[in-house]
Amino acid sequence: PNYFLYMPPKASKLAREVEDGALDLSTRALTELPMQDIQTLDLKRLDLSYNKLTVIPLGLASLRFLKELDLNNNALQSLPDDIGNLEYLMRLNVSCNNLTRLPLTLANLSHLKWLDLSENPLDQAHLPDSVVGRCSTPKECQKCAVNVVAHLGELLERKVKNDEKKRQKKEEEDRAAAERERREQEEQRLLKKQAKLARQAAATPAAPVEAEGPTPVKAESAIAVQPKPESRKPVVALVLVLVAAVIVGILLGALHLSDTTPEIVLTNALKSVRLLANGL
């Protein structure tokens, strides 16, 4: 059966060039990559070396099972971020390009065993020679793959932490700005309220002023401040005691001079005291 009967011409042509999951598009003088057509293919190896490519468009991630990617001898200035999604990629050749940096997502290539970065103006602050090495032998390329993946992993982790700090700082700044705005709105509300009260006070007529004069004292207050009369009970009791003592003394003296009995004398003394008390 003709499997390519309903395929677009370009896709059909590329599909015919695939051999054992490998597609060789090297030395074609390509300036643009037909990624839309390549995405339809099930590839394990893709050779794009010795072309005139300056950029690789997004879409590499669709080649899930790609194991080898050859991009050497082009004019690439960068690699797409989604190259880090090629989880089965084992061999990557980007030598002889204009790369200064690599995407941090390259740290996700846990199966990468071979990497050639030679002949690129790499930024030493991003990828120093001590990490990359010379990549002049297969062994050095293998070591480069391990070192670069580990180094980019550290940079990626650092970036994630910095991004988190920036996010938290942005949230704090947003909260502070929202708080300032809330306070300003509250101040405006209070100012409007005070202005409204001032207008109401200005519109209210003033109460008449009463003539000055002594403040009348309420009768209850006058009564309350009057001094209480001193109690006479202690004086009366003292007088009664003195008088009783005199009467008893007189009666006792009379008792010696007459035949009157003591009961009668005491009875008369008590009567005299009662009479005197009633008189007081």
C-alpha atoms as a PDB file:
ATOM      1  CA  PRO A   1       0.000   0.000   0.000  1.00  0.00           C
ATOM      2  CA  ASN A   2       1.042   3.581  -0.678  1.00  0.00           C
ATOM      3  CA  TYR A   3       1.373   5.161   2.812  1.00  0.00           C
ATOM      4  CA  PHE A   4       2.416   8.529   1.391  1.00  0.00           C
ATOM      5  CA  LEU A   5      -0.519   8.987  -0.935  1.00  0.00           C
ATOM      6  CA  TYR A   6      -2.207  11.662   1.171  1.00  0.00           C
ATOM      7  CA  MET A   7       0.919  13.326   2.607  1.00  0.00           C
ATOM      8  CA  PRO A   8       2.055  16.812   1.533  1.00  0.00           C
ATOM      9  CA  PRO A   9       4.803  16.740  -1.130  1.00  0.00           C
ATOM     10  CA  LYS A  10       7.559  18.063   1.141  1.00  0.00           C
ATOM     11  CA  ALA A  11       6.675  15.707   3.963  1.00  0.00           C
ATOM     12  CA  SER A  12       6.497  12.834   1.544  1.00  0.00           C
ATOM     13  CA  LYS A  13       9.923  13.683   0.146  1.00  0.00           C
ATOM     14  CA  LEU A  14      11.517  13.888   3.608  1.00  0.00           C
ATOM     15  CA  ALA A  15       9.858  10.679   4.666  1.00  0.00           C
ATOM     16  CA  ARG A  16      11.395   8.867   1.718  1.00  0.00           C
ATOM     17  CA  GLU A  17      14.834  10.031   2.836  1.00  0.00           C
ATOM     18  CA  VAL A  18      14.486   8.478   6.295  1.00  0.00           C
ATOM     19  CA  GLU A  19      16.531   5.308   6.681  1.00  0.00           C
ATOM     20  CA  ASP A  20      16.392   3.291   9.895  1.00  0.00           C
ATOM     21  CA  GLY A  21      15.016   6.304  11.763  1.00  0.00           C
ATOM     22  CA  ALA A  22      17.815   8.588  10.484  1.00  0.00           C
ATOM     23  CA  LEU A  23      17.410  11.708   8.341  1.00  0.00           C
ATOM     24  CA  ASP A  24      20.460  13.289   6.691  1.00  0.00           C
ATOM     25  CA  LEU A  25      19.947  16.911   5.614  1.00  0.00           C
ATOM     26  CA  SER A  26      23.620  17.876   5.748  1.00  0.00           C
ATOM     27  CA  THR A  27      25.344  20.012   3.075  1.00  0.00           C
ATOM     28  CA  ARG A  28      22.049  21.325   1.678  1.00  0.00           C
ATOM     29  CA  ALA A  29      22.877  25.035   2.142  1.00  0.00           C
ATOM     30  CA  LEU A  30      19.753  25.302   4.276  1.00  0.00           C
ATOM     31  CA  THR A  31      19.077  28.726   5.793  1.00  0.00           C
ATOM     32  CA  GLU A  32      15.760  27.685   7.334  1.00  0.00           C
ATOM     33  CA  LEU A  33      14.781  24.373   8.802  1.00  0.00           C
ATOM     34  CA  PRO A  34      11.501  22.777   7.614  1.00  0.00           C
ATOM     35  CA  MET A  35      10.573  21.955  11.203  1.00  0.00           C
ATOM     36  CA  GLN A  36       6.880  21.677  10.398  1.00  0.00           C
ATOM     37  CA  ASP A  37       7.661  18.790   8.057  1.00  0.00           C
ATOM     38  CA  ILE A  38      10.305  17.239  10.291  1.00  0.00           C
ATOM     39  CA  GLN A  39       7.859  17.095  13.196  1.00  0.00           C
ATOM     40  CA  THR A  40       5.771  14.551  11.360  1.00  0.00           C
ATOM     41  CA  LEU A  41       8.651  12.076  11.267  1.00  0.00           C
ATOM     42  CA  ASP A  42       9.655   9.451  13.818  1.00  0.00           C
ATOM     43  CA  LEU A  43      13.408  10.058  14.003  1.00  0.00           C
ATOM     44  CA  LYS A  44      16.225   8.717  16.124  1.00  0.00           C
ATOM     45  CA  ARG A  45      19.021  10.548  14.334  1.00  0.00           C
ATOM     46  CA  LEU A  46      18.958  13.949  12.612  1.00  0.00           C
ATOM     47  CA  ASP A  47      21.961  15.368  10.747  1.00  0.00           C
ATOM     48  CA  LEU A  48      21.789  19.078   9.896  1.00  0.00           C
ATOM     49  CA  SER A  49      25.528  19.718   9.688  1.00  0.00           C
ATOM     50  CA  TYR A  50      27.249  21.909   7.134  1.00  0.00           C
ATOM     51  CA  ASN A  51      24.347  24.207   6.380  1.00  0.00           C
ATOM     52  CA  LYS A  52      23.752  27.918   6.857  1.00  0.00           C
ATOM     53  CA  LEU A  53      21.291  27.757   9.731  1.00  0.00           C
ATOM     54  CA  THR A  54      21.309  30.708  12.143  1.00  0.00           C
ATOM     55  CA  VAL A  55      18.459  29.535  14.339  1.00  0.00           C
ATOM     56  CA  ILE A  56      16.641  26.305  15.174  1.00  0.00           C
ATOM     57  CA  PRO A  57      12.891  26.967  15.530  1.00  0.00           C
ATOM     58  CA  LEU A  58      10.851  25.570  18.385  1.00  0.00           C
ATOM     59  CA  GLY A  59       9.502  22.108  17.713  1.00  0.00           C
ATOM     60  CA  LEU A  60      12.400  19.820  18.502  1.00  0.00           C
ATOM     61  CA  ALA A  61      10.489  18.522  21.513  1.00  0.00           C
ATOM     62  CA  SER A  62       8.127  16.738  19.139  1.00  0.00           C
ATOM     63  CA  LEU A  63      11.007  14.405  18.186  1.00  0.00           C
ATOM     64  CA  ARG A  64      10.615  12.533  21.459  1.00  0.00           C
ATOM     65  CA  PHE A  65      12.768   9.535  20.624  1.00  0.00           C
ATOM     66  CA  LEU A  66      15.634  11.441  18.999  1.00  0.00           C
ATOM     67  CA  LYS A  67      18.966  10.089  20.221  1.00  0.00           C
ATOM     68  CA  GLU A  68      21.499  11.898  18.007  1.00  0.00           C
ATOM     69  CA  LEU A  69      21.461  15.501  16.771  1.00  0.00           C
ATOM     70  CA  ASP A  70      24.260  16.890  14.600  1.00  0.00           C
ATOM     71  CA  LEU A  71      24.306  20.685  14.104  1.00  0.00           C
ATOM     72  CA  ASN A  72      28.008  21.253  13.544  1.00  0.00           C
ATOM     73  CA  ASN A  73      29.326  23.790  11.010  1.00  0.00           C
ATOM     74  CA  ASN A  74      26.360  26.157  10.869  1.00  0.00           C
ATOM     75  CA  ALA A  75      25.961  29.761  12.015  1.00  0.00           C
ATOM     76  CA  LEU A  76      23.830  29.101  15.100  1.00  0.00           C
ATOM     77  CA  GLN A  77      23.855  31.828  17.753  1.00  0.00           C
ATOM     78  CA  SER A  78      21.562  29.996  20.169  1.00  0.00           C
ATOM     79  CA  LEU A  79      19.700  26.752  20.734  1.00  0.00           C
ATOM     80  CA  PRO A  80      15.952  26.522  21.421  1.00  0.00           C
ATOM     81  CA  ASP A  81      14.828  26.046  25.014  1.00  0.00           C
ATOM     82  CA  ASP A  82      12.780  22.992  24.159  1.00  0.00           C
ATOM     83  CA  ILE A  83      15.945  21.060  23.345  1.00  0.00           C
ATOM     84  CA  GLY A  84      15.894  20.126  27.021  1.00  0.00           C
ATOM     85  CA  ASN A  85      12.741  18.096  26.362  1.00  0.00           C
ATOM     86  CA  LEU A  86      14.608  15.549  24.232  1.00  0.00           C
ATOM     87  CA  GLU A  87      14.829  13.169  27.166  1.00  0.00           C
ATOM     88  CA  TYR A  88      16.408  10.321  25.150  1.00  0.00           C
ATOM     89  CA  LEU A  89      19.080  12.436  23.441  1.00  0.00           C
ATOM     90  CA  MET A  90      22.494  10.834  23.900  1.00  0.00           C
ATOM     91  CA  ARG A  91      24.736  12.610  21.377  1.00  0.00           C
ATOM     92  CA  LEU A  92      24.797  16.334  20.508  1.00  0.00           C
ATOM     93  CA  ASN A  93      27.269  18.012  18.193  1.00  0.00           C
ATOM     94  CA  VAL A  94      27.123  21.813  17.975  1.00  0.00           C
ATOM     95  CA  SER A  95      30.780  22.478  17.172  1.00  0.00           C
ATOM     96  CA  CYS A  96      31.845  25.243  14.773  1.00  0.00           C
ATOM     97  CA  ASN A  97      28.948  27.631  15.411  1.00  0.00           C
ATOM     98  CA  ASN A  98      28.551  31.065  17.015  1.00  0.00           C
ATOM     99  CA  LEU A  99      27.164  29.901  20.355  1.00  0.00           C
ATOM    100  CA  THR A 100      27.984  31.996  23.391  1.00  0.00           C
ATOM    101  CA  ARG A 101      25.549  30.360  25.806  1.00  0.00           C
ATOM    102  CA  LEU A 102      23.478  27.205  26.123  1.00  0.00           C
ATOM    103  CA  PRO A 103      19.882  26.991  27.348  1.00  0.00           C
ATOM    104  CA  LEU A 104      19.684  25.928  30.995  1.00  0.00           C
ATOM    105  CA  THR A 105      17.124  23.318  30.013  1.00  0.00           C
ATOM    106  CA  LEU A 106      20.035  21.316  28.619  1.00  0.00           C
ATOM    107  CA  ALA A 107      20.526  20.209  32.233  1.00  0.00           C
ATOM    108  CA  ASN A 108      17.440  17.998  31.804  1.00  0.00           C
ATOM    109  CA  LEU A 109      19.242  15.765  29.294  1.00  0.00           C
ATOM    110  CA  SER A 110      20.010  13.019  31.771  1.00  0.00           C
ATOM    111  CA  HIS A 111      20.911  10.520  28.995  1.00  0.00           C
ATOM    112  CA  LEU A 112      23.407  12.785  27.233  1.00  0.00           C
ATOM    113  CA  LYS A 113      26.723  10.945  26.911  1.00  0.00           C
ATOM    114  CA  TRP A 114      28.527  12.876  24.184  1.00  0.00           C
ATOM    115  CA  LEU A 115      28.729  16.657  23.638  1.00  0.00           C
ATOM    116  CA  ASP A 116      30.967  18.627  21.296  1.00  0.00           C
ATOM    117  CA  LEU A 117      31.120  22.401  21.955  1.00  0.00           C
ATOM    118  CA  SER A 118      34.461  23.073  20.288  1.00  0.00           C
ATOM    119  CA  GLU A 119      34.977  26.121  18.042  1.00  0.00           C
ATOM    120  CA  ASN A 120      32.315  28.279  19.709  1.00  0.00           C
ATOM    121  CA  PRO A 121      32.860  31.725  21.323  1.00  0.00           C
ATOM    122  CA  LEU A 122      31.416  30.544  24.639  1.00  0.00           C
ATOM    123  CA  ASP A 123      30.924  33.069  27.418  1.00  0.00           C
ATOM    124  CA  GLN A 124      33.470  32.104  30.068  1.00  0.00           C
ATOM    125  CA  ALA A 125      31.236  33.417  32.832  1.00  0.00           C
ATOM    126  CA  HIS A 126      28.511  31.041  31.646  1.00  0.00           C
ATOM    127  CA  LEU A 127      30.549  28.053  30.457  1.00  0.00           C
ATOM    128  CA  PRO A 128      34.216  28.264  31.426  1.00  0.00           C
ATOM    129  CA  ASP A 129      36.838  26.137  29.712  1.00  0.00           C
ATOM    130  CA  SER A 130      37.360  24.217  32.928  1.00  0.00           C
ATOM    131  CA  VAL A 131      33.841  22.808  32.450  1.00  0.00           C
ATOM    132  CA  VAL A 132      33.733  22.407  28.671  1.00  0.00           C
ATOM    133  CA  GLY A 133      37.273  21.200  28.006  1.00  0.00           C
ATOM    134  CA  ARG A 134      38.733  20.971  24.510  1.00  0.00           C
ATOM    135  CA  CYS A 135      36.414  18.315  23.037  1.00  0.00           C
ATOM    136  CA  SER A 136      39.188  17.114  20.713  1.00  0.00           C
ATOM    137  CA  THR A 137      38.695  13.413  21.430  1.00  0.00           C
ATOM    138  CA  PRO A 138      35.652  11.205  22.028  1.00  0.00           C
ATOM    139  CA  LYS A 139      36.689  10.813  25.670  1.00  0.00           C
ATOM    140  CA  GLU A 140      36.843  14.593  26.118  1.00  0.00           C
ATOM    141  CA  CYS A 141      33.425  14.939  24.483  1.00  0.00           C
ATOM    142  CA  GLN A 142      32.030  12.390  26.907  1.00  0.00           C
ATOM    143  CA  LYS A 143      33.542  14.273  29.838  1.00  0.00           C
ATOM    144  CA  CYS A 144      32.178  17.530  28.415  1.00  0.00           C
ATOM    145  CA  ALA A 145      28.653  16.095  28.371  1.00  0.00           C
ATOM    146  CA  VAL A 146      28.816  15.096  32.050  1.00  0.00           C
ATOM    147  CA  ASN A 147      30.404  18.364  33.211  1.00  0.00           C
ATOM    148  CA  VAL A 148      28.144  20.660  31.188  1.00  0.00           C
ATOM    149  CA  VAL A 149      24.924  18.919  32.280  1.00  0.00           C
ATOM    150  CA  ALA A 150      26.009  19.148  35.943  1.00  0.00           C
ATOM    151  CA  HIS A 151      27.115  22.778  35.591  1.00  0.00           C
ATOM    152  CA  LEU A 152      23.926  23.851  33.863  1.00  0.00           C
ATOM    153  CA  GLY A 153      21.973  21.999  36.551  1.00  0.00           C
ATOM    154  CA  GLU A 154      23.589  24.183  39.198  1.00  0.00           C
ATOM    155  CA  LEU A 155      22.872  27.318  37.176  1.00  0.00           C
ATOM    156  CA  LEU A 156      19.275  26.227  36.682  1.00  0.00           C
ATOM    157  CA  GLU A 157      18.806  25.600  40.397  1.00  0.00           C
ATOM    158  CA  ARG A 158      20.298  29.001  41.175  1.00  0.00           C
ATOM    159  CA  LYS A 159      18.006  30.631  38.639  1.00  0.00           C
ATOM    160  CA  VAL A 160      14.965  28.936  40.137  1.00  0.00           C
ATOM    161  CA  LYS A 161      15.909  30.252  43.596  1.00  0.00           C
ATOM    162  CA  ASN A 162      16.518  33.749  42.259  1.00  0.00           C
ATOM    163  CA  ASP A 163      13.220  33.692  40.404  1.00  0.00           C
ATOM    164  CA  GLU A 164      11.483  32.606  43.607  1.00  0.00           C
ATOM    165  CA  LYS A 165      13.121  35.463  45.531  1.00  0.00           C
ATOM    166  CA  LYS A 166      12.078  37.910  42.829  1.00  0.00           C
ATOM    167  CA  ARG A 167       8.545  36.550  42.949  1.00  0.00           C
ATOM    168  CA  GLN A 168       8.377  36.897  46.732  1.00  0.00           C
ATOM    169  CA  LYS A 169       9.851  40.402  46.545  1.00  0.00           C
ATOM    170  CA  LYS A 170       7.303  41.333  43.899  1.00  0.00           C
ATOM    171  CA  GLU A 171       4.494  40.002  46.084  1.00  0.00           C
ATOM    172  CA  GLU A 172       5.787  41.998  49.073  1.00  0.00           C
ATOM    173  CA  GLU A 173       6.023  45.138  46.953  1.00  0.00           C
ATOM    174  CA  ASP A 174       2.496  44.575  45.664  1.00  0.00           C
ATOM    175  CA  ARG A 175       1.202  44.081  49.222  1.00  0.00           C
ATOM    176  CA  ALA A 176       3.015  47.233  50.382  1.00  0.00           C
ATOM    177  CA  ALA A 177       1.595  49.198  47.446  1.00  0.00           C
ATOM    178  CA  ALA A 178      -1.895  47.886  48.200  1.00  0.00           C
ATOM    179  CA  GLU A 179      -1.489  48.860  51.871  1.00  0.00           C
ATOM    180  CA  ARG A 180      -0.331  52.362  50.904  1.00  0.00           C
ATOM    181  CA  GLU A 181      -3.288  52.730  48.597  1.00  0.00           C
ATOM    182  CA  ARG A 182      -5.651  51.542  51.339  1.00  0.00           C
ATOM    183  CA  ARG A 183      -4.216  54.078  53.796  1.00  0.00           C
ATOM    184  CA  GLU A 184      -4.464  56.875  51.265  1.00  0.00           C
ATOM    185  CA  GLN A 185      -8.090  55.973  50.601  1.00  0.00           C
ATOM    186  CA  GLU A 186      -8.756  55.892  54.355  1.00  0.00           C
ATOM    187  CA  GLU A 187      -7.136  59.319  54.783  1.00  0.00           C
ATOM    188  CA  GLN A 188      -9.226  60.706  51.915  1.00  0.00           C
ATOM    189  CA  ARG A 189     -12.348  59.270  53.496  1.00  0.00           C
ATOM    190  CA  LEU A 190     -11.526  60.874  56.856  1.00  0.00           C
ATOM    191  CA  LEU A 191     -10.778  64.219  55.201  1.00  0.00           C
ATOM    192  CA  LYS A 192     -14.107  64.131  53.372  1.00  0.00           C
ATOM    193  CA  LYS A 193     -15.900  63.261  56.606  1.00  0.00           C
ATOM    194  CA  GLN A 194     -14.213  66.124  58.479  1.00  0.00           C
ATOM    195  CA  ALA A 195     -15.064  68.551  55.666  1.00  0.00           C
ATOM    196  CA  LYS A 196     -18.687  67.411  55.771  1.00  0.00           C
ATOM    197  CA  LEU A 197     -18.842  67.923  59.559  1.00  0.00           C
ATOM    198  CA  ALA A 198     -17.288  71.381  59.170  1.00  0.00           C
ATOM    199  CA  ARG A 199     -19.918  72.361  56.582  1.00  0.00           C
ATOM    200  CA  GLN A 200     -22.700  71.087  58.836  1.00  0.00           C
ATOM    201  CA  ALA A 201     -21.297  73.068  61.788  1.00  0.00           C
ATOM    202  CA  ALA A 202     -21.069  76.219  59.684  1.00  0.00           C
ATOM    203  CA  ALA A 203     -24.688  75.806  58.529  1.00  0.00           C
ATOM    204  CA  THR A 204     -26.063  75.326  62.102  1.00  0.00           C
ATOM    205  CA  PRO A 205     -27.156  78.697  63.803  1.00  0.00           C
ATOM    206  CA  ALA A 206     -25.317  79.607  67.014  1.00  0.00           C
ATOM    207  CA  ALA A 207     -27.219  79.304  70.341  1.00  0.00           C
ATOM    208  CA  PRO A 208     -28.111  82.677  72.167  1.00  0.00           C
ATOM    209  CA  VAL A 209     -25.656  83.765  74.838  1.00  0.00           C
ATOM    210  CA  GLU A 210     -27.231  84.184  78.323  1.00  0.00           C
ATOM    211  CA  ALA A 211     -26.507  87.279  80.465  1.00  0.00           C
ATOM    212  CA  GLU A 212     -23.720  86.899  82.889  1.00  0.00           C
ATOM    213  CA  GLY A 213     -24.637  86.737  86.574  1.00  0.00           C
ATOM    214  CA  PRO A 214     -24.289  84.675  89.670  1.00  0.00           C
ATOM    215  CA  THR A 215     -25.239  81.105  89.175  1.00  0.00           C
ATOM    216  CA  PRO A 216     -28.283  80.337  91.321  1.00  0.00           C
ATOM    217  CA  VAL A 217     -27.672  77.768  93.937  1.00  0.00           C
ATOM    218  CA  LYS A 218     -30.227  75.043  94.118  1.00  0.00           C
ATOM    219  CA  ALA A 219     -32.073  74.630  97.342  1.00  0.00           C
ATOM    220  CA  GLU A 220     -30.951  71.048  97.559  1.00  0.00           C
ATOM    221  CA  SER A 221     -27.308  72.165  97.362  1.00  0.00           C
ATOM    222  CA  ALA A 222     -27.841  74.842 100.002  1.00  0.00           C
ATOM    223  CA  ILE A 223     -29.422  72.381 102.273  1.00  0.00           C
ATOM    224  CA  ALA A 224     -26.694  69.887 101.622  1.00  0.00           C
ATOM    225  CA  VAL A 225     -23.902  72.236 102.709  1.00  0.00           C
ATOM    226  CA  GLN A 226     -25.537  73.358 105.960  1.00  0.00           C
ATOM    227  CA  PRO A 227     -23.634  72.043 109.012  1.00  0.00           C
ATOM    228  CA  LYS A 228     -25.386  69.418 111.026  1.00  0.00           C
ATOM    229  CA  PRO A 229     -26.273  70.344 114.624  1.00  0.00           C
ATOM    230  CA  GLU A 230     -24.049  68.691 117.163  1.00  0.00           C
ATOM    231  CA  SER A 231     -25.620  65.923 119.196  1.00  0.00           C
ATOM    232  CA  ARG A 232     -26.616  66.779 122.831  1.00  0.00           C
ATOM    233  CA  LYS A 233     -26.815  63.223 124.079  1.00  0.00           C
ATOM    234  CA  PRO A 234     -23.274  63.017 125.576  1.00  0.00           C
ATOM    235  CA  VAL A 235     -23.820  66.273 127.587  1.00  0.00           C
ATOM    236  CA  VAL A 236     -27.215  65.178 128.902  1.00  0.00           C
ATOM    237  CA  ALA A 237     -25.844  61.836 130.022  1.00  0.00           C
ATOM    238  CA  LEU A 238     -22.991  63.529 131.882  1.00  0.00           C
ATOM    239  CA  VAL A 239     -25.367  65.895 133.704  1.00  0.00           C
ATOM    240  CA  LEU A 240     -27.640  63.020 134.713  1.00  0.00           C
ATOM    241  CA  VAL A 241     -24.700  61.104 136.155  1.00  0.00           C
ATOM    242  CA  LEU A 242     -23.557  64.120 138.225  1.00  0.00           C
ATOM    243  CA  VAL A 243     -27.013  64.909 139.493  1.00  0.00           C
ATOM    244  CA  ALA A 244     -27.684  61.293 140.366  1.00  0.00           C
ATOM    245  CA  ALA A 245     -24.422  61.184 142.328  1.00  0.00           C
ATOM    246  CA  VAL A 246     -25.407  64.315 144.289  1.00  0.00           C
ATOM    247  CA  ILE A 247     -28.893  63.029 145.069  1.00  0.00           C
ATOM    248  CA  VAL A 248     -27.565  59.650 146.161  1.00  0.00           C
ATOM    249  CA  GLY A 249     -25.005  61.387 148.404  1.00  0.00           C
ATOM    250  CA  ILE A 250     -27.701  63.540 149.969  1.00  0.00           C
ATOM    251  CA  LEU A 251     -30.009  60.608 150.529  1.00  0.00           C
ATOM    252  CA  LEU A 252     -27.264  58.509 152.072  1.00  0.00           C
ATOM    253  CA  GLY A 253     -26.506  61.334 154.468  1.00  0.00           C
ATOM    254  CA  ALA A 254     -30.189  61.567 155.373  1.00  0.00           C
ATOM    255  CA  LEU A 255     -30.249  57.830 155.915  1.00  0.00           C
ATOM    256  CA  HIS A 256     -27.923  58.166 158.857  1.00  0.00           C
ATOM    257  CA  LEU A 257     -30.049  60.903 160.415  1.00  0.00           C
ATOM    258  CA  SER A 258     -33.425  59.154 160.140  1.00  0.00           C
ATOM    259  CA  ASP A 259     -35.033  55.800 160.497  1.00  0.00           C
ATOM    260  CA  THR A 260     -35.862  55.514 156.779  1.00  0.00           C
ATOM    261  CA  THR A 261     -34.939  52.151 155.202  1.00  0.00           C
ATOM    262  CA  PRO A 262     -32.420  51.912 152.352  1.00  0.00           C
ATOM    263  CA  GLU A 263     -35.109  50.643 149.906  1.00  0.00           C
ATOM    264  CA  ILE A 264     -37.114  53.800 150.391  1.00  0.00           C
ATOM    265  CA  VAL A 265     -34.050  55.993 149.957  1.00  0.00           C
ATOM    266  CA  LEU A 266     -33.116  54.278 146.677  1.00  0.00           C
ATOM    267  CA  THR A 267     -36.675  54.490 145.409  1.00  0.00           C
ATOM    268  CA  ASN A 268     -36.777  58.215 146.105  1.00  0.00           C
ATOM    269  CA  ALA A 269     -33.380  58.676 144.413  1.00  0.00           C
ATOM    270  CA  LEU A 270     -34.526  56.913 141.224  1.00  0.00           C
ATOM    271  CA  LYS A 271     -37.692  59.017 141.141  1.00  0.00           C
ATOM    272  CA  SER A 272     -35.623  62.183 141.442  1.00  0.00           C
ATOM    273  CA  VAL A 273     -33.330  61.099 138.608  1.00  0.00           C
ATOM    274  CA  ARG A 274     -36.307  60.267 136.315  1.00  0.00           C
ATOM    275  CA  LEU A 275     -37.889  63.624 137.035  1.00  0.00           C
ATOM    276  CA  LEU A 276     -34.663  65.365 136.246  1.00  0.00           C
ATOM    277  CA  ALA A 277     -34.179  63.381 133.014  1.00  0.00           C
ATOM    278  CA  ASN A 278     -37.716  64.228 131.892  1.00  0.00           C
ATOM    279  CA  GLY A 279     -37.038  67.868 132.580  1.00  0.00           C
ATOM    280  CA  LEU A 280     -33.937  67.833 130.372  1.00  0.00           C
END
